[in-house]
Protein backbone atom coordinates (compact mmCIF):
# COMPACT_ATOMS: atom_id res chain seq x y z
CA MET A 1 -80.11 27.49 -20.23
CA THR A 2 -78.88 25.14 -22.96
CA GLU A 3 -76.17 25.85 -25.49
CA GLN A 4 -78.63 26.44 -28.33
CA GLU A 5 -80.48 28.99 -26.21
CA MET A 6 -77.13 30.81 -25.46
CA ARG A 7 -76.23 30.85 -29.13
CA ASP A 8 -79.54 32.34 -30.05
CA LEU A 9 -79.14 34.99 -27.44
CA PHE A 10 -75.75 35.96 -28.69
CA ARG A 11 -77.07 36.25 -32.19
CA GLU A 12 -79.82 38.58 -31.01
CA MET A 13 -77.20 40.63 -29.10
CA ARG A 14 -75.04 40.85 -32.13
CA ASP A 15 -77.88 42.20 -34.33
CA GLU A 16 -78.83 44.88 -31.76
CA PRO A 17 -77.09 48.28 -32.31
CA VAL A 18 -74.83 49.46 -29.42
CA PRO A 19 -76.03 52.68 -27.70
CA ALA A 20 -74.02 55.76 -28.56
CA ASP A 21 -73.53 56.79 -24.92
CA SER A 22 -71.93 53.39 -24.12
CA LEU A 23 -69.58 53.77 -26.98
CA ALA A 24 -68.67 57.34 -25.85
CA ARG A 25 -67.88 56.16 -22.32
CA VAL A 26 -65.64 53.36 -23.51
CA ARG A 27 -63.78 55.76 -25.86
CA ALA A 28 -63.36 58.30 -23.18
CA ARG A 29 -61.85 55.72 -20.76
CA LEU A 30 -59.43 54.57 -23.37
CA ALA A 31 -58.36 58.16 -24.14
CA ASN A 32 -57.87 58.99 -20.41
CA ARG A 33 -55.89 55.80 -19.57
CA ALA A 34 -52.20 56.44 -19.13
CA PRO A 35 -49.73 54.36 -21.14
CA ARG A 36 -48.38 51.50 -19.12
CA ARG A 37 -44.84 51.95 -18.08
CA HIS A 38 -42.73 48.86 -18.27
CA TRP A 39 -40.23 49.92 -15.57
CA TRP A 40 -39.46 46.39 -14.47
CA ILE A 41 -37.64 45.77 -17.76
CA LEU A 42 -35.05 48.39 -16.67
CA VAL A 43 -33.88 46.29 -13.69
CA PRO A 44 -32.56 43.27 -15.60
CA ALA A 45 -31.19 45.64 -18.41
CA ALA A 46 -29.21 47.57 -15.78
CA ALA A 47 -27.96 44.37 -14.13
CA VAL A 48 -26.63 43.17 -17.53
CA ALA A 49 -24.96 46.49 -18.31
CA LEU A 50 -23.37 46.59 -14.93
CA SER A 51 -21.98 43.11 -15.27
CA ILE A 52 -20.53 43.88 -18.75
CA VAL A 53 -18.85 47.01 -17.42
CA SER A 54 -17.37 45.25 -14.38
CA VAL A 55 -15.91 42.47 -16.54
CA VAL A 56 -14.47 44.91 -18.92
CA MET A 57 -12.97 47.25 -16.37
CA PHE A 58 -11.87 44.84 -13.65
CA ARG A 59 -10.50 41.91 -15.50
CA PRO A 60 -7.04 40.95 -14.54
CA ALA A 61 -4.12 41.90 -16.75
CA PRO A 62 -2.73 39.10 -18.91
CA PRO A 63 0.41 37.36 -17.66
CA PRO A 64 3.59 38.64 -19.11
CA ILE A 65 5.03 36.58 -21.95
CA PRO A 66 8.23 34.95 -20.90
CA GLY A 67 11.28 35.61 -22.99
CA PRO A 68 13.49 32.85 -24.45
CA VAL A 69 15.27 30.82 -21.88
CA ILE A 70 18.93 30.27 -22.75
CA VAL A 71 20.46 27.11 -21.16
CA ALA A 72 24.08 26.23 -21.77
CA LYS A 73 24.21 22.67 -22.93
CA THR A 74 27.00 20.61 -24.26
CA ALA A 75 26.42 18.78 -27.44
CA PRO A 76 26.25 14.99 -27.12
CA PRO A 77 28.98 13.13 -28.91
CA PRO A 78 27.92 12.14 -32.49
CA VAL A 79 26.59 8.65 -32.76
CA LYS A 80 28.25 6.52 -35.34
CA ILE A 81 25.76 4.76 -37.66
CA ALA A 82 26.92 1.73 -39.44
CA PRO A 83 25.80 1.61 -43.12
CA VAL A 84 22.89 -0.73 -43.80
CA GLN A 85 23.79 -3.68 -46.02
CA ILE A 86 20.92 -4.41 -48.42
CA PRO A 87 21.06 -7.98 -49.69
CA PRO A 88 20.90 -8.39 -53.39
CA ARG A 89 17.57 -9.37 -54.96
CA PRO A 90 17.27 -12.99 -56.14
CA LYS A 91 17.06 -13.22 -59.90
CA ARG A 92 13.75 -14.51 -61.24
CA ALA A 93 13.90 -17.72 -63.01
CA ARG A 94 12.84 -17.28 -66.60
CA PRO A 95 11.03 -20.01 -68.28
CA LYS A 96 13.02 -21.79 -70.94
CA PRO A 97 11.57 -21.68 -74.38
CA VAL A 98 9.67 -24.83 -75.34
CA ALA A 99 10.61 -26.59 -78.43
CA ALA A 100 7.82 -26.84 -81.11
CA VAL A 101 5.70 -29.79 -80.29
CA PRO A 102 3.51 -31.20 -83.06
CA VAL A 103 -0.18 -30.60 -82.31
CA SER A 104 -2.66 -33.41 -82.90
CA MET A 105 -6.26 -32.46 -83.58
CA ILE A 106 -9.30 -34.63 -83.71
CA ARG A 107 -12.39 -33.46 -85.60
CA ILE A 108 -15.81 -35.01 -84.78
CA GLU A 109 -18.68 -34.18 -87.03
CA THR A 110 -22.28 -34.35 -85.72
CA PRO A 111 -25.47 -35.08 -87.66
CA ASP A 112 -26.05 -31.34 -87.70
CA PRO A 113 -23.80 -29.75 -90.30
CA GLU A 114 -23.47 -26.56 -88.34
CA VAL A 115 -21.93 -28.32 -85.22
CA VAL A 116 -18.31 -29.54 -85.38
CA ILE A 117 -16.40 -30.65 -82.37
CA LEU A 118 -12.57 -30.10 -82.33
CA LEU A 119 -10.26 -31.73 -79.74
CA VAL A 120 -6.81 -30.32 -79.57
CA ASN A 121 -3.96 -32.07 -77.86
């Protein structure tokens, strides 16, 4: 049987009405079927609950907090610290004022009246 023949057969089966007695038998079986009990879920749940209870009930007591320990010590002799001598900062050399020097200027004119070259000495 080829795929095409199987498809045609399924189309014909789909179009045929289902007999009423078959539907009644299926519905009766579903109604009589007992609901499934998932008892196996209870085993891991009980194990988890038991482990939590055992951790809470049987955990060791926290260790006692020790009080302050008092030890008699003699104070060390004070250390004498010599004062630190900071050397004075050197003074910056300030530039001396320059006497007014005459400025010489050379003006060069080019053929273009908009351009002028100035040389300053």
